PDB file of all heavy atoms in Angstrom:
ATOM      1  N   ARG A   1     -29.242 -64.602   8.113  1.00  0.00           N
ATOM      2  CA  ARG A   1     -29.543 -65.612   7.073  1.00  0.00           C
ATOM      3  C   ARG A   1     -30.117 -64.957   5.817  1.00  0.00           C
ATOM      4  O   ARG A   1     -29.816 -65.341   4.720  1.00  0.00           O
ATOM      5  CB  ARG A   1     -30.502 -66.692   7.630  1.00  0.00           C
ATOM      6  CG  ARG A   1     -29.874 -67.464   8.795  1.00  0.00           C
ATOM      7  CD  ARG A   1     -30.387 -68.907   8.862  1.00  0.00           C
ATOM      8  NE  ARG A   1     -31.826 -69.028   8.888  1.00  0.00           N
ATOM      9  CZ  ARG A   1     -32.569 -68.977   9.958  1.00  0.00           C
ATOM     10  NH1 ARG A   1     -32.031 -68.794  11.140  1.00  0.00           N
ATOM     11  NH2 ARG A   1     -33.866 -69.107   9.872  1.00  0.00           N
ATOM     12  N   MET A   2     -30.923 -63.910   6.003  1.00  0.00           N
ATOM     13  CA  MET A   2     -31.411 -63.136   4.845  1.00  0.00           C
ATOM     14  C   MET A   2     -30.243 -62.483   4.095  1.00  0.00           C
ATOM     15  O   MET A   2     -30.171 -62.533   2.888  1.00  0.00           O
ATOM     16  CB  MET A   2     -32.393 -62.040   5.288  1.00  0.00           C
ATOM     17  CG  MET A   2     -33.701 -62.511   5.855  1.00  0.00           C
ATOM     18  SD  MET A   2     -34.627 -61.051   6.423  1.00  0.00           S
ATOM     19  CE  MET A   2     -35.627 -61.785   7.692  1.00  0.00           C
ATOM     20  N   ALA A   3     -29.323 -61.871   4.883  1.00  0.00           N
ATOM     21  CA  ALA A   3     -28.150 -61.197   4.275  1.00  0.00           C
ATOM     22  C   ALA A   3     -27.291 -62.176   3.518  1.00  0.00           C
ATOM     23  O   ALA A   3     -26.663 -61.829   2.491  1.00  0.00           O
ATOM     24  CB  ALA A   3     -27.338 -60.455   5.342  1.00  0.00           C
ATOM     25  N   ASN A   4     -27.224 -63.407   4.011  1.00  0.00           N
ATOM     26  CA  ASN A   4     -26.409 -64.477   3.364  1.00  0.00           C
ATOM     27  C   ASN A   4     -27.185 -65.269   2.313  1.00  0.00           C
ATOM     28  O   ASN A   4     -26.702 -66.279   1.800  1.00  0.00           O
ATOM     29  CB  ASN A   4     -25.840 -65.430   4.414  1.00  0.00           C
ATOM     30  CG  ASN A   4     -24.879 -64.744   5.348  1.00  0.00           C
ATOM     31  OD1 ASN A   4     -24.386 -63.639   5.020  1.00  0.00           O
ATOM     32  ND2 ASN A   4     -24.676 -65.284   6.513  1.00  0.00           N
ATOM     33  N   LYS A   5     -28.416 -64.870   2.031  1.00  0.00           N
ATOM     34  CA  LYS A   5     -29.294 -65.512   1.030  1.00  0.00           C
ATOM     35  C   LYS A   5     -29.637 -66.945   1.368  1.00  0.00           C
ATOM     36  O   LYS A   5     -29.818 -67.750   0.444  1.00  0.00           O
ATOM     37  CB  LYS A   5     -28.638 -65.458  -0.373  1.00  0.00           C
ATOM     38  CG  LYS A   5     -28.306 -64.065  -0.852  1.00  0.00           C
ATOM     39  CD  LYS A   5     -27.740 -64.104  -2.268  1.00  0.00           C
ATOM     40  CE  LYS A   5     -27.348 -62.715  -2.757  1.00  0.00           C
ATOM     41  NZ  LYS A   5     -26.780 -62.726  -4.094  1.00  0.00           N
ATOM     42  N   ASP A   6     -29.690 -67.278   2.660  1.00  0.00           N
ATOM     43  CA  ASP A   6     -30.106 -68.701   2.943  1.00  0.00           C
ATOM     44  C   ASP A   6     -31.267 -68.740   3.955  1.00  0.00           C
ATOM     45  O   ASP A   6     -31.372 -69.687   4.715  1.00  0.00           O
ATOM     46  CB  ASP A   6     -28.881 -69.515   3.406  1.00  0.00           C
ATOM     47  CG  ASP A   6     -28.251 -68.978   4.665  1.00  0.00           C
ATOM     48  OD1 ASP A   6     -28.788 -68.057   5.270  1.00  0.00           O
ATOM     49  OD2 ASP A   6     -27.190 -69.559   5.084  1.00  0.00           O
ATOM     50  N   HIS A   7     -32.126 -67.739   3.935  1.00  0.00           N
ATOM     51  CA  HIS A   7     -33.357 -67.802   4.767  1.00  0.00           C
ATOM     52  C   HIS A   7     -34.465 -68.459   3.909  1.00  0.00           C
ATOM     53  O   HIS A   7     -34.660 -68.081   2.754  1.00  0.00           O
ATOM     54  CB  HIS A   7     -33.791 -66.392   5.223  1.00  0.00           C
ATOM     55  CG  HIS A   7     -34.788 -66.428   6.310  1.00  0.00           C
ATOM     56  ND1 HIS A   7     -36.133 -66.647   6.091  1.00  0.00           N
ATOM     57  CD2 HIS A   7     -34.675 -66.277   7.650  1.00  0.00           C
ATOM     58  CE1 HIS A   7     -36.792 -66.648   7.216  1.00  0.00           C
ATOM     59  NE2 HIS A   7     -35.922 -66.442   8.198  1.00  0.00           N
ATOM     60  N   LYS A   8     -35.193 -69.386   4.520  1.00  0.00           N
ATOM     61  CA  LYS A   8     -36.202 -70.119   3.742  1.00  0.00           C
ATOM     62  C   LYS A   8     -37.329 -69.221   3.208  1.00  0.00           C
ATOM     63  O   LYS A   8     -37.771 -69.379   2.072  1.00  0.00           O
ATOM     64  CB  LYS A   8     -36.856 -71.214   4.606  1.00  0.00           C
ATOM     65  CG  LYS A   8     -35.975 -72.429   4.792  1.00  0.00           C
ATOM     66  CD  LYS A   8     -36.731 -73.452   5.645  1.00  0.00           C
ATOM     67  CE  LYS A   8     -35.727 -74.456   6.259  1.00  0.00           C
ATOM     68  NZ  LYS A   8     -36.286 -75.057   7.479  1.00  0.00           N
ATOM     69  N   GLN A   9     -37.826 -68.301   4.089  1.00  0.00           N
ATOM     70  CA  GLN A   9     -39.067 -67.609   3.696  1.00  0.00           C
ATOM     71  C   GLN A   9     -38.873 -66.164   3.183  1.00  0.00           C
ATOM     72  O   GLN A   9     -39.680 -65.663   2.447  1.00  0.00           O
ATOM     73  CB  GLN A   9     -39.980 -67.554   4.915  1.00  0.00           C
ATOM     74  CG  GLN A   9     -40.555 -68.944   5.251  1.00  0.00           C
ATOM     75  CD  GLN A   9     -40.747 -69.098   6.754  1.00  0.00           C
ATOM     76  OE1 GLN A   9     -39.886 -68.767   7.524  1.00  0.00           O
ATOM     77  NE2 GLN A   9     -41.886 -69.641   7.143  1.00  0.00           N
ATOM     78  N   VAL A  10     -37.759 -65.534   3.566  1.00  0.00           N
ATOM     79  CA  VAL A  10     -37.576 -64.101   3.199  1.00  0.00           C
ATOM     80  C   VAL A  10     -36.271 -63.916   2.477  1.00  0.00           C
ATOM     81  O   VAL A  10     -35.201 -64.345   2.969  1.00  0.00           O
ATOM     82  CB  VAL A  10     -37.584 -63.197   4.489  1.00  0.00           C
ATOM     83  CG1 VAL A  10     -37.537 -61.745   4.071  1.00  0.00           C
ATOM     84  CG2 VAL A  10     -38.827 -63.447   5.321  1.00  0.00           C
ATOM     85  N   HIS A  11     -36.345 -63.293   1.274  1.00  0.00           N
ATOM     86  CA  HIS A  11     -35.136 -63.006   0.497  1.00  0.00           C
ATOM     87  C   HIS A  11     -35.095 -61.465   0.329  1.00  0.00           C
ATOM     88  O   HIS A  11     -36.097 -60.835   0.059  1.00  0.00           O
ATOM     89  CB  HIS A  11     -35.181 -63.697  -0.853  1.00  0.00           C
ATOM     90  CG  HIS A  11     -35.382 -65.179  -0.716  1.00  0.00           C
ATOM     91  ND1 HIS A  11     -34.370 -66.024  -0.366  1.00  0.00           N
ATOM     92  CD2 HIS A  11     -36.476 -65.939  -0.829  1.00  0.00           C
ATOM     93  CE1 HIS A  11     -34.841 -67.274  -0.290  1.00  0.00           C
ATOM     94  NE2 HIS A  11     -36.141 -67.232  -0.557  1.00  0.00           N
ATOM     95  N   ILE A  12     -33.900 -60.893   0.501  1.00  0.00           N
ATOM     96  CA  ILE A  12     -33.769 -59.451   0.341  1.00  0.00           C
ATOM     97  C   ILE A  12     -34.029 -59.075  -1.099  1.00  0.00           C
ATOM     98  O   ILE A  12     -33.532 -59.715  -2.019  1.00  0.00           O
ATOM     99  CB  ILE A  12     -32.320 -59.006   0.788  1.00  0.00           C
ATOM    100  CG1 ILE A  12     -32.058 -59.344   2.237  1.00  0.00           C
ATOM    101  CG2 ILE A  12     -32.150 -57.487   0.558  1.00  0.00           C
ATOM    102  CD1 ILE A  12     -32.958 -58.715   3.244  1.00  0.00           C
ATOM    103  N   GLN A  13     -34.853 -58.004  -1.296  1.00  0.00           N
ATOM    104  CA  GLN A  13     -35.187 -57.523  -2.645  1.00  0.00           C
ATOM    105  C   GLN A  13     -34.617 -56.136  -2.807  1.00  0.00           C
ATOM    106  O   GLN A  13     -34.490 -55.380  -1.834  1.00  0.00           O
ATOM    107  CB  GLN A  13     -36.692 -57.491  -2.840  1.00  0.00           C
ATOM    108  CG  GLN A  13     -37.379 -58.842  -2.638  1.00  0.00           C
ATOM    109  CD  GLN A  13     -38.904 -58.705  -2.539  1.00  0.00           C
ATOM    110  OE1 GLN A  13     -39.437 -57.594  -2.591  1.00  0.00           O
ATOM    111  NE2 GLN A  13     -39.573 -59.804  -2.343  1.00  0.00           N
ATOM    112  N   LYS A  14     -34.337 -55.742  -4.039  1.00  0.00           N
ATOM    113  CA  LYS A  14     -33.932 -54.345  -4.320  1.00  0.00           C
ATOM    114  C   LYS A  14     -35.114 -53.469  -3.907  1.00  0.00           C
ATOM    115  O   LYS A  14     -36.266 -53.748  -4.201  1.00  0.00           O
ATOM    116  CB  LYS A  14     -33.680 -54.224  -5.845  1.00  0.00           C
ATOM    117  CG  LYS A  14     -32.668 -53.171  -6.177  1.00  0.00           C
ATOM    118  CD  LYS A  14     -32.434 -53.180  -7.690  1.00  0.00           C
ATOM    119  CE  LYS A  14     -31.550 -52.010  -8.143  1.00  0.00           C
ATOM    120  NZ  LYS A  14     -30.153 -52.164  -7.808  1.00  0.00           N
ATOM    121  N   GLY A  15     -34.830 -52.400  -3.172  1.00  0.00           N
ATOM    122  CA  GLY A  15     -35.915 -51.526  -2.727  1.00  0.00           C
ATOM    123  C   GLY A  15     -36.365 -51.777  -1.300  1.00  0.00           C
ATOM    124  O   GLY A  15     -37.145 -51.009  -0.749  1.00  0.00           O
ATOM    125  N   ASP A  16     -35.842 -52.829  -0.662  1.00  0.00           N
ATOM    126  CA  ASP A  16     -36.128 -53.056   0.757  1.00  0.00           C
ATOM    127  C   ASP A  16     -35.457 -51.978   1.609  1.00  0.00           C
ATOM    128  O   ASP A  16     -34.343 -51.527   1.282  1.00  0.00           O
ATOM    129  CB  ASP A  16     -35.616 -54.419   1.226  1.00  0.00           C
ATOM    130  CG  ASP A  16     -36.488 -55.563   0.753  1.00  0.00           C
ATOM    131  OD1 ASP A  16     -37.618 -55.275   0.296  1.00  0.00           O
ATOM    132  OD2 ASP A  16     -36.098 -56.747   0.899  1.00  0.00           O
ATOM    133  N   THR A  17     -36.107 -51.578   2.670  1.00  0.00           N
ATOM    134  CA  THR A  17     -35.506 -50.648   3.662  1.00  0.00           C
ATOM    135  C   THR A  17     -35.282 -51.420   4.967  1.00  0.00           C
ATOM    136  O   THR A  17     -36.179 -52.064   5.450  1.00  0.00           O
ATOM    137  CB  THR A  17     -36.401 -49.446   3.954  1.00  0.00           C
ATOM    138  OG1 THR A  17     -36.632 -48.729   2.725  1.00  0.00           O
ATOM    139  CG2 THR A  17     -35.852 -48.517   4.993  1.00  0.00           C
ATOM    140  N   ILE A  18     -34.055 -51.439   5.459  1.00  0.00           N
ATOM    141  CA  ILE A  18     -33.707 -52.213   6.631  1.00  0.00           C
ATOM    142  C   ILE A  18     -33.249 -51.273   7.756  1.00  0.00           C
ATOM    143  O   ILE A  18     -32.455 -50.380   7.539  1.00  0.00           O
ATOM    144  CB  ILE A  18     -32.645 -53.244   6.318  1.00  0.00           C
ATOM    145  CG1 ILE A  18     -33.254 -54.259   5.344  1.00  0.00           C
ATOM    146  CG2 ILE A  18     -32.172 -53.972   7.572  1.00  0.00           C
ATOM    147  CD1 ILE A  18     -32.325 -55.087   4.579  1.00  0.00           C
ATOM    148  N   VAL A  19     -33.863 -51.487   8.942  1.00  0.00           N
ATOM    149  CA  VAL A  19     -33.529 -50.642  10.095  1.00  0.00           C
ATOM    150  C   VAL A  19     -32.869 -51.523  11.171  1.00  0.00           C
ATOM    151  O   VAL A  19     -33.494 -52.473  11.664  1.00  0.00           O
ATOM    152  CB  VAL A  19     -34.827 -49.993  10.686  1.00  0.00           C
ATOM    153  CG1 VAL A  19     -34.500 -49.157  11.913  1.00  0.00           C
ATOM    154  CG2 VAL A  19     -35.540 -49.182   9.640  1.00  0.00           C
ATOM    155  N   LEU A  20     -31.600 -51.217  11.529  1.00  0.00           N
ATOM    156  CA  LEU A  20     -30.916 -51.902  12.620  1.00  0.00           C
ATOM    157  C   LEU A  20     -31.130 -51.085  13.905  1.00  0.00           C
ATOM    158  O   LEU A  20     -30.431 -50.114  14.134  1.00  0.00           O
ATOM    159  CB  LEU A  20     -29.433 -52.059  12.350  1.00  0.00           C
ATOM    160  CG  LEU A  20     -28.968 -53.358  11.694  1.00  0.00           C
ATOM    161  CD1 LEU A  20     -29.456 -53.431  10.262  1.00  0.00           C
ATOM    162  CD2 LEU A  20     -27.476 -53.489  11.745  1.00  0.00           C
ATOM    163  N   SER A  21     -32.121 -51.479  14.698  1.00  0.00           N
ATOM    164  CA  SER A  21     -32.495 -50.706  15.858  1.00  0.00           C
ATOM    165  C   SER A  21     -31.825 -51.252  17.127  1.00  0.00           C
ATOM    166  O   SER A  21     -32.459 -51.808  18.027  1.00  0.00           O
ATOM    167  CB  SER A  21     -33.984 -50.687  16.041  1.00  0.00           C
ATOM    168  OG  SER A  21     -34.361 -49.772  17.008  1.00  0.00           O
ATOM    169  N   ALA A  22     -30.511 -51.192  17.156  1.00  0.00           N
ATOM    170  CA  ALA A  22     -29.703 -51.611  18.309  1.00  0.00           C
ATOM    171  C   ALA A  22     -28.283 -51.134  18.107  1.00  0.00           C
ATOM    172  O   ALA A  22     -27.856 -50.942  16.977  1.00  0.00           O
ATOM    173  CB  ALA A  22     -29.729 -53.143  18.455  1.00  0.00           C
ATOM    174  N   THR A  23     -27.554 -50.950  19.199  1.00  0.00           N
ATOM    175  CA  THR A  23     -26.137 -50.627  19.116  1.00  0.00           C
ATOM    176  C   THR A  23     -25.367 -51.921  19.217  1.00  0.00           C
ATOM    177  O   THR A  23     -25.708 -52.759  20.072  1.00  0.00           O
ATOM    178  CB  THR A  23     -25.716 -49.709  20.286  1.00  0.00           C
ATOM    179  OG1 THR A  23     -26.610 -48.594  20.339  1.00  0.00           O
ATOM    180  CG2 THR A  23     -24.330 -49.163  20.134  1.00  0.00           C
ATOM    181  N   PRO A  24     -24.329 -52.135  18.364  1.00  0.00           N
ATOM    182  CA  PRO A  24     -23.562 -53.383  18.504  1.00  0.00           C
ATOM    183  C   PRO A  24     -22.947 -53.505  19.890  1.00  0.00           C
ATOM    184  O   PRO A  24     -22.407 -52.533  20.427  1.00  0.00           O
ATOM    185  CB  PRO A  24     -22.464 -53.232  17.427  1.00  0.00           C
ATOM    186  CG  PRO A  24     -22.947 -52.211  16.514  1.00  0.00           C
ATOM    187  CD  PRO A  24     -23.830 -51.275  17.274  1.00  0.00           C
ATOM    188  N   ILE A  25     -23.091 -54.678  20.489  1.00  0.00           N
ATOM    189  CA  ILE A  25     -22.396 -54.965  21.780  1.00  0.00           C
ATOM    190  C   ILE A  25     -20.911 -54.945  21.499  1.00  0.00           C
ATOM    191  O   ILE A  25     -20.468 -55.452  20.452  1.00  0.00           O
ATOM    192  CB  ILE A  25     -22.865 -56.374  22.297  1.00  0.00           C
ATOM    193  CG1 ILE A  25     -24.348 -56.324  22.699  1.00  0.00           C
ATOM    194  CG2 ILE A  25     -22.003 -56.820  23.469  1.00  0.00           C
ATOM    195  CD1 ILE A  25     -24.950 -57.675  22.904  1.00  0.00           C
ATOM    196  N   PRO A  26     -20.078 -54.384  22.401  1.00  0.00           N
ATOM    197  CA  PRO A  26     -18.628 -54.382  22.162  1.00  0.00           C
ATOM    198  C   PRO A  26     -18.092 -55.779  21.780  1.00  0.00           C
ATOM    199  O   PRO A  26     -18.441 -56.761  22.460  1.00  0.00           O
ATOM    200  CB  PRO A  26     -18.059 -53.925  23.518  1.00  0.00           C
ATOM    201  CG  PRO A  26     -19.138 -53.121  24.113  1.00  0.00           C
ATOM    202  CD  PRO A  26     -20.446 -53.721  23.661  1.00  0.00           C
ATOM    203  N   GLY A  27     -17.343 -55.854  20.703  1.00  0.00           N
ATOM    204  CA  GLY A  27     -16.885 -57.165  20.197  1.00  0.00           C
ATOM    205  C   GLY A  27     -17.663 -57.669  19.017  1.00  0.00           C
ATOM    206  O   GLY A  27     -17.215 -58.530  18.285  1.00  0.00           O
ATOM    207  N   ASN A  28     -18.927 -57.153  18.854  1.00  0.00           N
ATOM    208  CA  ASN A  28     -19.769 -57.627  17.767  1.00  0.00           C
ATOM    209  C   ASN A  28     -19.728 -56.725  16.537  1.00  0.00           C
ATOM    210  O   ASN A  28     -20.389 -56.998  15.515  1.00  0.00           O
ATOM    211  CB  ASN A  28     -21.203 -57.709  18.221  1.00  0.00           C
ATOM    212  CG  ASN A  28     -21.491 -58.947  19.055  1.00  0.00           C
ATOM    213  OD1 ASN A  28     -20.556 -59.645  19.449  1.00  0.00           O
ATOM    214  ND2 ASN A  28     -22.735 -59.217  19.356  1.00  0.00           N
ATOM    215  N   GLU A  29     -18.960 -55.640  16.601  1.00  0.00           N
ATOM    216  CA  GLU A  29     -18.986 -54.656  15.497  1.00  0.00           C
ATOM    217  C   GLU A  29     -18.644 -55.267  14.143  1.00  0.00           C
ATOM    218  O   GLU A  29     -19.301 -54.962  13.152  1.00  0.00           O
ATOM    219  CB  GLU A  29     -17.976 -53.491  15.782  1.00  0.00           C
ATOM    220  CG  GLU A  29     -18.328 -52.660  16.964  1.00  0.00           C
ATOM    221  CD  GLU A  29     -17.714 -53.173  18.303  1.00  0.00           C
ATOM    222  OE1 GLU A  29     -17.169 -54.280  18.303  1.00  0.00           O
ATOM    223  OE2 GLU A  29     -17.805 -52.444  19.297  1.00  0.00           O
ATOM    224  N   GLY A  30     -17.655 -56.156  14.115  1.00  0.00           N
ATOM    225  CA  GLY A  30     -17.223 -56.787  12.835  1.00  0.00           C
ATOM    226  C   GLY A  30     -18.371 -57.594  12.230  1.00  0.00           C
ATOM    227  O   GLY A  30     -18.613 -57.486  11.003  1.00  0.00           O
ATOM    228  N   LEU A  31     -19.074 -58.368  13.059  1.00  0.00           N
ATOM    229  CA  LEU A  31     -20.179 -59.188  12.543  1.00  0.00           C
ATOM    230  C   LEU A  31     -21.291 -58.304  12.017  1.00  0.00           C
ATOM    231  O   LEU A  31     -21.860 -58.588  10.960  1.00  0.00           O
ATOM    232  CB  LEU A  31     -20.734 -60.080  13.676  1.00  0.00           C
ATOM    233  CG  LEU A  31     -19.851 -61.211  14.225  1.00  0.00           C
ATOM    234  CD1 LEU A  31     -20.409 -61.783  15.466  1.00  0.00           C
ATOM    235  CD2 LEU A  31     -19.641 -62.265  13.163  1.00  0.00           C
ATOM    236  N   VAL A  32     -21.626 -57.228  12.730  1.00  0.00           N
ATOM    237  CA  VAL A  32     -22.685 -56.319  12.303  1.00  0.00           C
ATOM    238  C   VAL A  32     -22.305 -55.643  11.028  1.00  0.00           C
ATOM    239  O   VAL A  32     -23.122 -55.573  10.084  1.00  0.00           O
ATOM    240  CB  VAL A  32     -22.999 -55.285  13.453  1.00  0.00           C
ATOM    241  CG1 VAL A  32     -24.028 -54.272  12.948  1.00  0.00           C
ATOM    242  CG2 VAL A  32     -23.520 -55.989  14.670  1.00  0.00           C
ATOM    243  N   ASN A  33     -21.067 -55.152  10.910  1.00  0.00           N
ATOM    244  CA  ASN A  33     -20.625 -54.451   9.692  1.00  0.00           C
ATOM    245  C   ASN A  33     -20.706 -55.384   8.479  1.00  0.00           C
ATOM    246  O   ASN A  33     -21.112 -54.966   7.384  1.00  0.00           O
ATOM    247  CB  ASN A  33     -19.207 -53.905   9.833  1.00  0.00           C
ATOM    248  CG  ASN A  33     -19.158 -52.790  10.877  1.00  0.00           C
ATOM    249  OD1 ASN A  33     -20.180 -52.186  11.190  1.00  0.00           O
ATOM    250  ND2 ASN A  33     -17.973 -52.513  11.410  1.00  0.00           N
TER     251      ASN A  33
END
């Protein structure tokens, strides 16, 4: 929802650092990318 700009409380800002700490489950790669 943050990535799609529709989260109520948190909006992505220039300068944010984002860590994806998980491996995509097989079949989810497209959604994660």
